[in-house]
Amino acid sequence: NLIRDGDFYRLLSPFENNETAWMIVSKNKKAALVGWYKVLATPNPKKEQVVILKGLDEKMFYNIDGKEESFYGDELMFRGLSVPTEFNGSNRNIAKRGGDYQSVIYYLREQENKN
């Protein structure tokens, strides 16, 4: 239902750079699906990559599958969602991704009670 009925946002155009990202947000803004894709690996990549999200409820607190932290909607729309660290030749112990054709999918859900 989320994919069929949600609002679609293109976050990064596939025609302008090496990365693309999109997201679908439910009408009530309680759930979202985010996809990030990179075609070719970057030599010596930046330390942290983020994707700026759109269409969320600024005051809603979201759990993100695959991440231990939770965030408010305004944090995700203004600071962004961190993409896992890319291998840069010297960070083998902390790198979570590397090589060509990388992707990450996140599912966001409203957290009813913030603890």
PDB file of N, CA and C in Angstrom:
ATOM      1  N   ASN A   1       0.809  -1.199   0.000  1.00  0.00           N
ATOM      2  CA  ASN A   1       0.000   0.000   0.000  1.00  0.00           C
ATOM      3  C   ASN A   1       0.854   1.264   0.000  1.00  0.00           C
ATOM      4  N   LEU A   2       1.955   1.234   0.724  1.00  0.00           N
ATOM      5  CA  LEU A   2       2.820   2.409   0.800  1.00  0.00           C
ATOM      6  C   LEU A   2       3.324   2.798  -0.593  1.00  0.00           C
ATOM      7  N   ILE A   3       3.811   1.843  -1.341  1.00  0.00           N
ATOM      8  CA  ILE A   3       4.340   2.146  -2.673  1.00  0.00           C
ATOM      9  C   ILE A   3       3.230   2.590  -3.617  1.00  0.00           C
ATOM     10  N   ARG A   4       2.107   1.949  -3.563  1.00  0.00           N
ATOM     11  CA  ARG A   4       0.992   2.285  -4.459  1.00  0.00           C
ATOM     12  C   ARG A   4       0.332   3.615  -4.109  1.00  0.00           C
ATOM     13  N   ASP A   5       0.114   3.878  -2.822  1.00  0.00           N
ATOM     14  CA  ASP A   5      -0.685   5.036  -2.411  1.00  0.00           C
ATOM     15  C   ASP A   5       0.120   6.203  -1.846  1.00  0.00           C
ATOM     16  N   GLY A   6       1.398   6.005  -1.586  1.00  0.00           N
ATOM     17  CA  GLY A   6       2.202   7.055  -0.951  1.00  0.00           C
ATOM     18  C   GLY A   6       2.607   8.159  -1.908  1.00  0.00           C
ATOM     19  N   ASP A   7       3.169   9.216  -1.340  1.00  0.00           N
ATOM     20  CA  ASP A   7       3.687  10.343  -2.117  1.00  0.00           C
ATOM     21  C   ASP A   7       5.145  10.061  -2.460  1.00  0.00           C
ATOM     22  N   PHE A   8       5.482  10.173  -3.760  1.00  0.00           N
ATOM     23  CA  PHE A   8       6.818   9.868  -4.256  1.00  0.00           C
ATOM     24  C   PHE A   8       7.662  11.141  -4.324  1.00  0.00           C
ATOM     25  N   TYR A   9       8.916  11.060  -3.841  1.00  0.00           N
ATOM     26  CA  TYR A   9       9.849  12.180  -3.897  1.00  0.00           C
ATOM     27  C   TYR A   9      11.162  11.705  -4.509  1.00  0.00           C
ATOM     28  N   ARG A  10      11.653  12.421  -5.502  1.00  0.00           N
ATOM     29  CA  ARG A  10      12.995  12.165  -6.024  1.00  0.00           C
ATOM     30  C   ARG A  10      13.932  13.056  -5.224  1.00  0.00           C
ATOM     31  N   LEU A  11      14.848  12.444  -4.489  1.00  0.00           N
ATOM     32  CA  LEU A  11      15.765  13.186  -3.633  1.00  0.00           C
ATOM     33  C   LEU A  11      17.048  13.573  -4.358  1.00  0.00           C
ATOM     34  N   LEU A  12      17.557  12.681  -5.186  1.00  0.00           N
ATOM     35  CA  LEU A  12      18.743  12.929  -6.003  1.00  0.00           C
ATOM     36  C   LEU A  12      18.464  12.421  -7.408  1.00  0.00           C
ATOM     37  N   SER A  13      18.645  13.270  -8.394  1.00  0.00           N
ATOM     38  CA  SER A  13      18.362  12.893  -9.780  1.00  0.00           C
ATOM     39  C   SER A  13      19.431  11.949 -10.322  1.00  0.00           C
ATOM     40  N   PRO A  14      19.027  10.874 -10.987  1.00  0.00           N
ATOM     41  CA  PRO A  14      20.013   9.956 -11.577  1.00  0.00           C
ATOM     42  C   PRO A  14      20.689  10.548 -12.816  1.00  0.00           C
ATOM     43  N   PHE A  15      20.179  11.672 -13.308  1.00  0.00           N
ATOM     44  CA  PHE A  15      20.706  12.282 -14.528  1.00  0.00           C
ATOM     45  C   PHE A  15      21.755  13.352 -14.250  1.00  0.00           C
ATOM     46  N   GLU A  16      21.983  13.678 -12.969  1.00  0.00           N
ATOM     47  CA  GLU A  16      22.881  14.777 -12.640  1.00  0.00           C
ATOM     48  C   GLU A  16      24.176  14.344 -11.969  1.00  0.00           C
ATOM     49  N   ASN A  17      24.229  13.120 -11.423  1.00  0.00           N
ATOM     50  CA  ASN A  17      25.461  12.682 -10.771  1.00  0.00           C
ATOM     51  C   ASN A  17      25.516  11.170 -10.684  1.00  0.00           C
ATOM     52  N   ASN A  18      26.423  10.671  -9.904  1.00  0.00           N
ATOM     53  CA  ASN A  18      26.698   9.245  -9.753  1.00  0.00           C
ATOM     54  C   ASN A  18      25.766   8.562  -8.745  1.00  0.00           C
ATOM     55  N   GLU A  19      24.959   9.341  -8.057  1.00  0.00           N
ATOM     56  CA  GLU A  19      24.054   8.806  -7.048  1.00  0.00           C
ATOM     57  C   GLU A  19      22.617   9.177  -7.395  1.00  0.00           C
ATOM     58  N   THR A  20      21.696   8.363  -6.924  1.00  0.00           N
ATOM     59  CA  THR A  20      20.277   8.699  -7.024  1.00  0.00           C
ATOM     60  C   THR A  20      19.607   8.263  -5.728  1.00  0.00           C
ATOM     61  N   ALA A  21      18.543   8.941  -5.373  1.00  0.00           N
ATOM     62  CA  ALA A  21      17.783   8.582  -4.171  1.00  0.00           C
ATOM     63  C   ALA A  21      16.337   8.991  -4.385  1.00  0.00           C
ATOM     64  N   TRP A  22      15.443   8.222  -3.800  1.00  0.00           N
ATOM     65  CA  TRP A  22      14.009   8.491  -3.862  1.00  0.00           C
ATOM     66  C   TRP A  22      13.394   8.083  -2.542  1.00  0.00           C
ATOM     67  N   MET A  23      12.181   8.524  -2.306  1.00  0.00           N
ATOM     68  CA  MET A  23      11.453   8.057  -1.133  1.00  0.00           C
ATOM     69  C   MET A  23       9.961   8.109  -1.395  1.00  0.00           C
ATOM     70  N   ILE A  24       9.241   7.276  -0.680  1.00  0.00           N
ATOM     71  CA  ILE A  24       7.782   7.243  -0.726  1.00  0.00           C
ATOM     72  C   ILE A  24       7.297   7.415   0.704  1.00  0.00           C
ATOM     73  N   VAL A  25       6.373   8.363   0.909  1.00  0.00           N
ATOM     74  CA  VAL A  25       5.851   8.668   2.238  1.00  0.00           C
ATOM     75  C   VAL A  25       4.356   8.390   2.252  1.00  0.00           C
ATOM     76  N   SER A  26       3.891   7.704   3.291  1.00  0.00           N
ATOM     77  CA  SER A  26       2.453   7.417   3.413  1.00  0.00           C
ATOM     78  C   SER A  26       1.674   8.722   3.563  1.00  0.00           C
ATOM     79  N   LYS A  27       0.423   8.699   3.209  1.00  0.00           N
ATOM     80  CA  LYS A  27      -0.413   9.898   3.270  1.00  0.00           C
ATOM     81  C   LYS A  27      -0.485  10.474   4.688  1.00  0.00           C
ATOM     82  N   ASN A  28      -0.494   9.594   5.706  1.00  0.00           N
ATOM     83  CA  ASN A  28      -0.558  10.082   7.084  1.00  0.00           C
ATOM     84  C   ASN A  28       0.837  10.376   7.659  1.00  0.00           C
ATOM     85  N   LYS A  29       1.869  10.195   6.841  1.00  0.00           N
ATOM     86  CA  LYS A  29       3.265  10.497   7.188  1.00  0.00           C
ATOM     87  C   LYS A  29       3.818   9.622   8.315  1.00  0.00           C
ATOM     88  N   LYS A  30       3.184   8.483   8.584  1.00  0.00           N
ATOM     89  CA  LYS A  30       3.638   7.597   9.659  1.00  0.00           C
ATOM     90  C   LYS A  30       4.631   6.551   9.178  1.00  0.00           C
ATOM     91  N   ALA A  31       4.820   6.434   7.865  1.00  0.00           N
ATOM     92  CA  ALA A  31       5.755   5.450   7.321  1.00  0.00           C
ATOM     93  C   ALA A  31       6.366   5.999   6.039  1.00  0.00           C
ATOM     94  N   ALA A  32       7.602   5.569   5.765  1.00  0.00           N
ATOM     95  CA  ALA A  32       8.276   5.981   4.539  1.00  0.00           C
ATOM     96  C   ALA A  32       9.298   4.922   4.146  1.00  0.00           C
ATOM     97  N   LEU A  33       9.560   4.863   2.862  1.00  0.00           N
ATOM     98  CA  LEU A  33      10.563   3.966   2.305  1.00  0.00           C
ATOM     99  C   LEU A  33      11.559   4.837   1.550  1.00  0.00           C
ATOM    100  N   VAL A  34      12.851   4.680   1.860  1.00  0.00           N
ATOM    101  CA  VAL A  34      13.902   5.485   1.237  1.00  0.00           C
ATOM    102  C   VAL A  34      14.861   4.546   0.518  1.00  0.00           C
ATOM    103  N   GLY A  35      15.183   4.870  -0.728  1.00  0.00           N
ATOM    104  CA  GLY A  35      16.169   4.118  -1.493  1.00  0.00           C
ATOM    105  C   GLY A  35      17.301   5.025  -1.931  1.00  0.00           C
ATOM    106  N   TRP A  36      18.543   4.609  -1.723  1.00  0.00           N
ATOM    107  CA  TRP A  36      19.723   5.355  -2.147  1.00  0.00           C
ATOM    108  C   TRP A  36      20.580   4.413  -2.975  1.00  0.00           C
ATOM    109  N   TYR A  37      21.089   4.883  -4.120  1.00  0.00           N
ATOM    110  CA  TYR A  37      21.843   4.047  -5.047  1.00  0.00           C
ATOM    111  C   TYR A  37      23.048   4.820  -5.576  1.00  0.00           C
ATOM    112  N   LYS A  38      24.168   4.120  -5.715  1.00  0.00           N
ATOM    113  CA  LYS A  38      25.385   4.720  -6.260  1.00  0.00           C
ATOM    114  C   LYS A  38      25.915   3.792  -7.338  1.00  0.00           C
ATOM    115  N   VAL A  39      26.197   4.339  -8.518  1.00  0.00           N
ATOM    116  CA  VAL A  39      26.632   3.521  -9.648  1.00  0.00           C
ATOM    117  C   VAL A  39      28.097   3.111  -9.502  1.00  0.00           C
ATOM    118  N   LEU A  40      28.993   4.084  -9.424  1.00  0.00           N
ATOM    119  CA  LEU A  40      30.418   3.776  -9.357  1.00  0.00           C
ATOM    120  C   LEU A  40      31.006   4.224  -8.031  1.00  0.00           C
ATOM    121  N   ALA A  41      31.919   3.423  -7.506  1.00  0.00           N
ATOM    122  CA  ALA A  41      32.592   3.774  -6.253  1.00  0.00           C
ATOM    123  C   ALA A  41      33.391   5.059  -6.439  1.00  0.00           C
ATOM    124  N   THR A  42      33.582   5.781  -5.354  1.00  0.00           N
ATOM    125  CA  THR A  42      34.332   7.034  -5.373  1.00  0.00           C
ATOM    126  C   THR A  42      35.694   6.814  -4.747  1.00  0.00           C
ATOM    127  N   PRO A  43      36.782   7.157  -5.458  1.00  0.00           N
ATOM    128  CA  PRO A  43      38.093   7.048  -4.815  1.00  0.00           C
ATOM    129  C   PRO A  43      38.213   8.096  -3.713  1.00  0.00           C
ATOM    130  N   ASN A  44      38.655   7.670  -2.550  1.00  0.00           N
ATOM    131  CA  ASN A  44      38.799   8.543  -1.381  1.00  0.00           C
ATOM    132  C   ASN A  44      37.534   9.362  -1.111  1.00  0.00           C
ATOM    133  N   PRO A  45      36.430   8.682  -0.803  1.00  0.00           N
ATOM    134  CA  PRO A  45      35.150   9.371  -0.602  1.00  0.00           C
ATOM    135  C   PRO A  45      35.135  10.231   0.652  1.00  0.00           C
ATOM    136  N   LYS A  46      34.141  11.141   0.701  1.00  0.00           N
ATOM    137  CA  LYS A  46      33.945  11.971   1.892  1.00  0.00           C
ATOM    138  C   LYS A  46      33.745  11.081   3.109  1.00  0.00           C
ATOM    139  N   LYS A  47      33.992  11.624   4.263  1.00  0.00           N
ATOM    140  CA  LYS A  47      33.865  10.860   5.504  1.00  0.00           C
ATOM    141  C   LYS A  47      32.420  10.433   5.756  1.00  0.00           C
ATOM    142  N   GLU A  48      31.457  11.339   5.540  1.00  0.00           N
ATOM    143  CA  GLU A  48      30.065  10.996   5.787  1.00  0.00           C
ATOM    144  C   GLU A  48      29.202  11.490   4.628  1.00  0.00           C
ATOM    145  N   GLN A  49      28.317  10.638   4.163  1.00  0.00           N
ATOM    146  CA  GLN A  49      27.356  11.028   3.146  1.00  0.00           C
ATOM    147  C   GLN A  49      25.979  11.024   3.781  1.00  0.00           C
ATOM    148  N   VAL A  50      25.168  12.011   3.431  1.00  0.00           N
ATOM    149  CA  VAL A  50      23.808  12.081   3.939  1.00  0.00           C
ATOM    150  C   VAL A  50      22.841  12.304   2.783  1.00  0.00           C
ATOM    151  N   VAL A  51      21.611  11.858   2.990  1.00  0.00           N
ATOM    152  CA  VAL A  51      20.528  12.094   2.046  1.00  0.00           C
ATOM    153  C   VAL A  51      19.492  12.942   2.780  1.00  0.00           C
ATOM    154  N   ILE A  52      19.143  14.075   2.206  1.00  0.00           N
ATOM    155  CA  ILE A  52      18.139  14.959   2.790  1.00  0.00           C
ATOM    156  C   ILE A  52      16.759  14.435   2.386  1.00  0.00           C
ATOM    157  N   LEU A  53      15.932  14.109   3.374  1.00  0.00           N
ATOM    158  CA  LEU A  53      14.612  13.537   3.104  1.00  0.00           C
ATOM    159  C   LEU A  53      13.568  14.632   2.939  1.00  0.00           C
ATOM    160  N   LYS A  54      12.405  14.259   2.413  1.00  0.00           N
ATOM    161  CA  LYS A  54      11.305  15.200   2.180  1.00  0.00           C
ATOM    162  C   LYS A  54       9.990  14.562   2.598  1.00  0.00           C
ATOM    163  N   GLY A  55       8.986  15.416   2.832  1.00  0.00           N
ATOM    164  CA  GLY A  55       7.614  14.956   3.004  1.00  0.00           C
ATOM    165  C   GLY A  55       7.254  14.355   4.348  1.00  0.00           C
ATOM    166  N   LEU A  56       8.159  14.380   5.315  1.00  0.00           N
ATOM    167  CA  LEU A  56       7.871  13.806   6.633  1.00  0.00           C
ATOM    168  C   LEU A  56       7.165  14.833   7.514  1.00  0.00           C
ATOM    169  N   ASP A  57       6.595  14.361   8.606  1.00  0.00           N
ATOM    170  CA  ASP A  57       6.024  15.248   9.619  1.00  0.00           C
ATOM    171  C   ASP A  57       7.178  15.733  10.487  1.00  0.00           C
ATOM    172  N   GLU A  58       7.368  17.043  10.555  1.00  0.00           N
ATOM    173  CA  GLU A  58       8.504  17.608  11.288  1.00  0.00           C
ATOM    174  C   GLU A  58       8.523  17.220  12.761  1.00  0.00           C
ATOM    175  N   LYS A  59       7.364  17.053  13.367  1.00  0.00           N
ATOM    176  CA  LYS A  59       7.288  16.789  14.809  1.00  0.00           C
ATOM    177  C   LYS A  59       7.168  15.305  15.149  1.00  0.00           C
ATOM    178  N   MET A  60       7.069  14.451  14.132  1.00  0.00           N
ATOM    179  CA  MET A  60       6.932  13.020  14.375  1.00  0.00           C
ATOM    180  C   MET A  60       8.317  12.414  14.614  1.00  0.00           C
ATOM    181  N   PHE A  61       8.386  11.428  15.516  1.00  0.00           N
ATOM    182  CA  PHE A  61       9.626  10.736  15.853  1.00  0.00           C
ATOM    183  C   PHE A  61       9.627   9.415  15.100  1.00  0.00           C
ATOM    184  N   TYR A  62      10.690   9.150  14.316  1.00  0.00           N
ATOM    185  CA  TYR A  62      10.743   7.981  13.439  1.00  0.00           C
ATOM    186  C   TYR A  62      11.805   6.978  13.871  1.00  0.00           C
ATOM    187  N   ASN A  63      11.432   5.693  13.880  1.00  0.00           N
ATOM    188  CA  ASN A  63      12.377   4.589  13.978  1.00  0.00           C
ATOM    189  C   ASN A  63      12.797   4.250  12.553  1.00  0.00           C
ATOM    190  N   ILE A  64      14.048   3.882  12.379  1.00  0.00           N
ATOM    191  CA  ILE A  64      14.549   3.543  11.054  1.00  0.00           C
ATOM    192  C   ILE A  64      15.124   2.141  11.108  1.00  0.00           C
ATOM    193  N   ASP A  65      14.527   1.218  10.339  1.00  0.00           N
ATOM    194  CA  ASP A  65      15.053  -0.138  10.275  1.00  0.00           C
ATOM    195  C   ASP A  65      16.495  -0.085   9.772  1.00  0.00           C
ATOM    196  N   GLY A  66      17.371  -0.808  10.425  1.00  0.00           N
ATOM    197  CA  GLY A  66      18.769  -0.836  10.035  1.00  0.00           C
ATOM    198  C   GLY A  66      19.625   0.190  10.748  1.00  0.00           C
ATOM    199  N   LYS A  67      19.021   1.037  11.554  1.00  0.00           N
ATOM    200  CA  LYS A  67      19.772   2.025  12.333  1.00  0.00           C
ATOM    201  C   LYS A  67      19.345   1.905  13.787  1.00  0.00           C
ATOM    202  N   GLU A  68      20.262   2.129  14.685  1.00  0.00           N
ATOM    203  CA  GLU A  68      19.946   2.049  16.106  1.00  0.00           C
ATOM    204  C   GLU A  68      19.308   3.326  16.622  1.00  0.00           C
ATOM    205  N   GLU A  69      19.571   4.451  15.946  1.00  0.00           N
ATOM    206  CA  GLU A  69      19.030   5.732  16.390  1.00  0.00           C
ATOM    207  C   GLU A  69      17.635   5.950  15.827  1.00  0.00           C
ATOM    208  N   SER A  70      16.905   6.866  16.466  1.00  0.00           N
ATOM    209  CA  SER A  70      15.626   7.351  15.953  1.00  0.00           C
ATOM    210  C   SER A  70      15.748   8.864  15.817  1.00  0.00           C
ATOM    211  N   PHE A  71      14.931   9.440  14.933  1.00  0.00           N
ATOM    212  CA  PHE A  71      15.066  10.854  14.622  1.00  0.00           C
ATOM    213  C   PHE A  71      13.701  11.507  14.473  1.00  0.00           C
ATOM    214  N   TYR A  72      13.657  12.812  14.730  1.00  0.00           N
ATOM    215  CA  TYR A  72      12.466  13.596  14.407  1.00  0.00           C
ATOM    216  C   TYR A  72      12.467  13.880  12.909  1.00  0.00           C
ATOM    217  N   GLY A  73      11.274  14.085  12.361  1.00  0.00           N
ATOM    218  CA  GLY A  73      11.143  14.376  10.943  1.00  0.00           C
ATOM    219  C   GLY A  73      11.936  15.591  10.505  1.00  0.00           C
ATOM    220  N   ASP A  74      11.956  16.640  11.334  1.00  0.00           N
ATOM    221  CA  ASP A  74      12.696  17.843  10.935  1.00  0.00           C
ATOM    222  C   ASP A  74      14.198  17.578  10.858  1.00  0.00           C
ATOM    223  N   GLU A  75      14.737  16.699  11.708  1.00  0.00           N
ATOM    224  CA  GLU A  75      16.152  16.340  11.634  1.00  0.00           C
ATOM    225  C   GLU A  75      16.467  15.682  10.294  1.00  0.00           C
ATOM    226  N   LEU A  76      15.596  14.764   9.874  1.00  0.00           N
ATOM    227  CA  LEU A  76      15.821  14.021   8.639  1.00  0.00           C
ATOM    228  C   LEU A  76      15.659  14.903   7.405  1.00  0.00           C
ATOM    229  N   MET A  77      14.818  15.930   7.508  1.00  0.00           N
ATOM    230  CA  MET A  77      14.581  16.798   6.350  1.00  0.00           C
ATOM    231  C   MET A  77      15.576  17.960   6.268  1.00  0.00           C
ATOM    232  N   PHE A  78      16.242  18.299   7.372  1.00  0.00           N
ATOM    233  CA  PHE A  78      17.178  19.419   7.337  1.00  0.00           C
ATOM    234  C   PHE A  78      18.630  18.998   7.522  1.00  0.00           C
ATOM    235  N   ARG A  79      18.908  17.979   8.316  1.00  0.00           N
ATOM    236  CA  ARG A  79      20.266  17.478   8.504  1.00  0.00           C
ATOM    237  C   ARG A  79      20.528  16.272   7.623  1.00  0.00           C
ATOM    238  N   GLY A  80      19.520  15.422   7.447  1.00  0.00           N
ATOM    239  CA  GLY A  80      19.630  14.284   6.550  1.00  0.00           C
ATOM    240  C   GLY A  80      19.824  12.960   7.271  1.00  0.00           C
ATOM    241  N   LEU A  81      19.770  11.900   6.493  1.00  0.00           N
ATOM    242  CA  LEU A  81      19.941  10.528   6.952  1.00  0.00           C
ATOM    243  C   LEU A  81      21.306  10.048   6.475  1.00  0.00           C
ATOM    244  N   SER A  82      22.150   9.595   7.393  1.00  0.00           N
ATOM    245  CA  SER A  82      23.498   9.137   7.036  1.00  0.00           C
ATOM    246  C   SER A  82      23.449   7.829   6.271  1.00  0.00           C
ATOM    247  N   VAL A  83      24.249   7.771   5.223  1.00  0.00           N
ATOM    248  CA  VAL A  83      24.431   6.550   4.444  1.00  0.00           C
ATOM    249  C   VAL A  83      25.638   5.833   5.038  1.00  0.00           C
ATOM    250  N   PRO A  84      25.656   4.492   5.091  1.00  0.00           N
ATOM    251  CA  PRO A  84      26.796   3.784   5.679  1.00  0.00           C
ATOM    252  C   PRO A  84      28.137   4.213   5.073  1.00  0.00           C
ATOM    253  N   THR A  85      29.174   4.160   5.876  1.00  0.00           N
ATOM    254  CA  THR A  85      30.510   4.578   5.485  1.00  0.00           C
ATOM    255  C   THR A  85      31.033   3.747   4.316  1.00  0.00           C
ATOM    256  N   GLU A  86      31.610   4.451   3.334  1.00  0.00           N
ATOM    257  CA  GLU A  86      32.183   3.782   2.161  1.00  0.00           C
ATOM    258  C   GLU A  86      33.668   3.519   2.381  1.00  0.00           C
ATOM    259  N   PHE A  87      34.150   2.385   1.900  1.00  0.00           N
ATOM    260  CA  PHE A  87      35.568   2.038   2.014  1.00  0.00           C
ATOM    261  C   PHE A  87      36.407   3.050   1.247  1.00  0.00           C
ATOM    262  N   ASN A  88      37.458   3.586   1.895  1.00  0.00           N
ATOM    263  CA  ASN A  88      38.305   4.591   1.249  1.00  0.00           C
ATOM    264  C   ASN A  88      39.769   4.168   1.171  1.00  0.00           C
ATOM    265  N   GLY A  89      40.059   2.913   1.447  1.00  0.00           N
ATOM    266  CA  GLY A  89      41.432   2.424   1.382  1.00  0.00           C
ATOM    267  C   GLY A  89      42.092   2.305   2.732  1.00  0.00           C
ATOM    268  N   SER A  90      41.597   3.053   3.718  1.00  0.00           N
ATOM    269  CA  SER A  90      42.243   2.998   5.034  1.00  0.00           C
ATOM    270  C   SER A  90      41.250   2.775   6.175  1.00  0.00           C
ATOM    271  N   ASN A  91      39.974   2.640   5.868  1.00  0.00           N
ATOM    272  CA  ASN A  91      38.967   2.500   6.932  1.00  0.00           C
ATOM    273  C   ASN A  91      38.290   1.130   6.908  1.00  0.00           C
ATOM    274  N   ARG A  92      39.051   0.125   6.627  1.00  0.00           N
ATOM    275  CA  ARG A  92      38.513  -1.235   6.476  1.00  0.00           C
ATOM    276  C   ARG A  92      37.693  -1.685   7.691  1.00  0.00           C
ATOM    277  N   ASN A  93      38.050  -1.256   8.890  1.00  0.00           N
ATOM    278  CA  ASN A  93      37.368  -1.697  10.109  1.00  0.00           C
ATOM    279  C   ASN A  93      35.988  -1.074  10.297  1.00  0.00           C
ATOM    280  N   ILE A  94      35.763   0.117   9.729  1.00  0.00           N
ATOM    281  CA  ILE A  94      34.471   0.776   9.934  1.00  0.00           C
ATOM    282  C   ILE A  94      33.612   0.869   8.667  1.00  0.00           C
ATOM    283  N   ALA A  95      34.196   0.581   7.501  1.00  0.00           N
ATOM    284  CA  ALA A  95      33.445   0.687   6.243  1.00  0.00           C
ATOM    285  C   ALA A  95      32.336  -0.353   6.190  1.00  0.00           C
ATOM    286  N   LYS A  96      31.156   0.083   5.774  1.00  0.00           N
ATOM    287  CA  LYS A  96      29.999  -0.809   5.662  1.00  0.00           C
ATOM    288  C   LYS A  96      29.652  -1.126   4.207  1.00  0.00           C
ATOM    289  N   ARG A  97      30.284  -0.395   3.263  1.00  0.00           N
ATOM    290  CA  ARG A  97      29.993  -0.634   1.861  1.00  0.00           C
ATOM    291  C   ARG A  97      31.215  -0.292   1.032  1.00  0.00           C
ATOM    292  N   GLY A  98      31.278  -0.823  -0.176  1.00  0.00           N
ATOM    293  CA  GLY A  98      32.384  -0.538  -1.070  1.00  0.00           C
ATOM    294  C   GLY A  98      32.130  -1.129  -2.437  1.00  0.00           C
ATOM    295  N   GLY A  99      32.879  -0.674  -3.402  1.00  0.00           N
ATOM    296  CA  GLY A  99      32.746  -1.174  -4.758  1.00  0.00           C
ATOM    297  C   GLY A  99      31.660  -0.449  -5.536  1.00  0.00           C
ATOM    298  N   ASP A 100      31.504  -0.855  -6.786  1.00  0.00           N
ATOM    299  CA  ASP A 100      30.491  -0.268  -7.659  1.00  0.00           C
ATOM    300  C   ASP A 100      29.107  -0.841  -7.338  1.00  0.00           C
ATOM    301  N   TYR A 101      28.081  -0.147  -7.782  1.00  0.00           N
ATOM    302  CA  TYR A 101      26.681  -0.577  -7.671  1.00  0.00           C
ATOM    303  C   TYR A 101      26.257  -0.823  -6.217  1.00  0.00           C
ATOM    304  N   GLN A 102      26.321   0.231  -5.431  1.00  0.00           N
ATOM    305  CA  GLN A 102      25.944   0.168  -4.025  1.00  0.00           C
ATOM    306  C   GLN A 102      24.497   0.620  -3.856  1.00  0.00           C
ATOM    307  N   SER A 103      23.854   0.122  -2.819  1.00  0.00           N
ATOM    308  CA  SER A 103      22.489   0.579  -2.529  1.00  0.00           C
ATOM    309  C   SER A 103      22.160   0.372  -1.061  1.00  0.00           C
ATOM    310  N   VAL A 104      21.241   1.187  -0.580  1.00  0.00           N
ATOM    311  CA  VAL A 104      20.739   1.078   0.788  1.00  0.00           C
ATOM    312  C   VAL A 104      19.246   1.393   0.742  1.00  0.00           C
ATOM    313  N   ILE A 105      18.457   0.595   1.438  1.00  0.00           N
ATOM    314  CA  ILE A 105      17.013   0.830   1.553  1.00  0.00           C
ATOM    315  C   ILE A 105      16.694   0.980   3.043  1.00  0.00           C
ATOM    316  N   TYR A 106      15.930   2.005   3.379  1.00  0.00           N
ATOM    317  CA  TYR A 106      15.502   2.211   4.764  1.00  0.00           C
ATOM    318  C   TYR A 106      13.985   2.273   4.822  1.00  0.00           C
ATOM    319  N   TYR A 107      13.455   1.702   5.889  1.00  0.00           N
ATOM    320  CA  TYR A 107      12.020   1.790   6.164  1.00  0.00           C
ATOM    321  C   TYR A 107      11.862   2.584   7.459  1.00  0.00           C
ATOM    322  N   LEU A 108      11.127   3.676   7.385  1.00  0.00           N
ATOM    323  CA  LEU A 108      10.897   4.542   8.540  1.00  0.00           C
ATOM    324  C   LEU A 108       9.481   4.325   9.047  1.00  0.00           C
ATOM    325  N   ARG A 109       9.341   4.263  10.361  1.00  0.00           N
ATOM    326  CA  ARG A 109       8.019   4.129  10.996  1.00  0.00           C
ATOM    327  C   ARG A 109       7.909   5.090  12.158  1.00  0.00           C
ATOM    328  N   GLU A 110       6.721   5.573  12.371  1.00  0.00           N
ATOM    329  CA  GLU A 110       6.479   6.442  13.515  1.00  0.00           C
ATOM    330  C   GLU A 110       6.738   5.661  14.799  1.00  0.00           C
ATOM    331  N   GLN A 111       7.423   6.297  15.742  1.00  0.00           N
ATOM    332  CA  GLN A 111       7.595   5.712  17.059  1.00  0.00           C
ATOM    333  C   GLN A 111       6.563   6.376  17.957  1.00  0.00           C
ATOM    334  N   GLU A 112       5.678   5.579  18.489  1.00  0.00           N
ATOM    335  CA  GLU A 112       4.569   6.108  19.291  1.00  0.00           C
ATOM    336  C   GLU A 112       5.035   6.873  20.532  1.00  0.00           C
ATOM    337  N   ASN A 113       5.900   6.266  21.320  1.00  0.00           N
ATOM    338  CA  ASN A 113       6.371   6.890  22.559  1.00  0.00           C
ATOM    339  C   ASN A 113       7.865   7.037  22.503  1.00  0.00           C
ATOM    340  N   LYS A 114       8.354   8.277  22.545  1.00  0.00           N
ATOM    341  CA  LYS A 114       9.793   8.520  22.546  1.00  0.00           C
ATOM    342  C   LYS A 114      10.324   8.247  23.948  1.00  0.00           C
ATOM    343  N   ASN A 115      11.337   7.373  24.022  1.00  0.00           N
ATOM    344  CA  ASN A 115      11.956   7.050  25.314  1.00  0.00           C
ATOM    345  C   ASN A 115      13.302   7.696  25.420  1.00  0.00           C
TER     346      ASN A 115
END
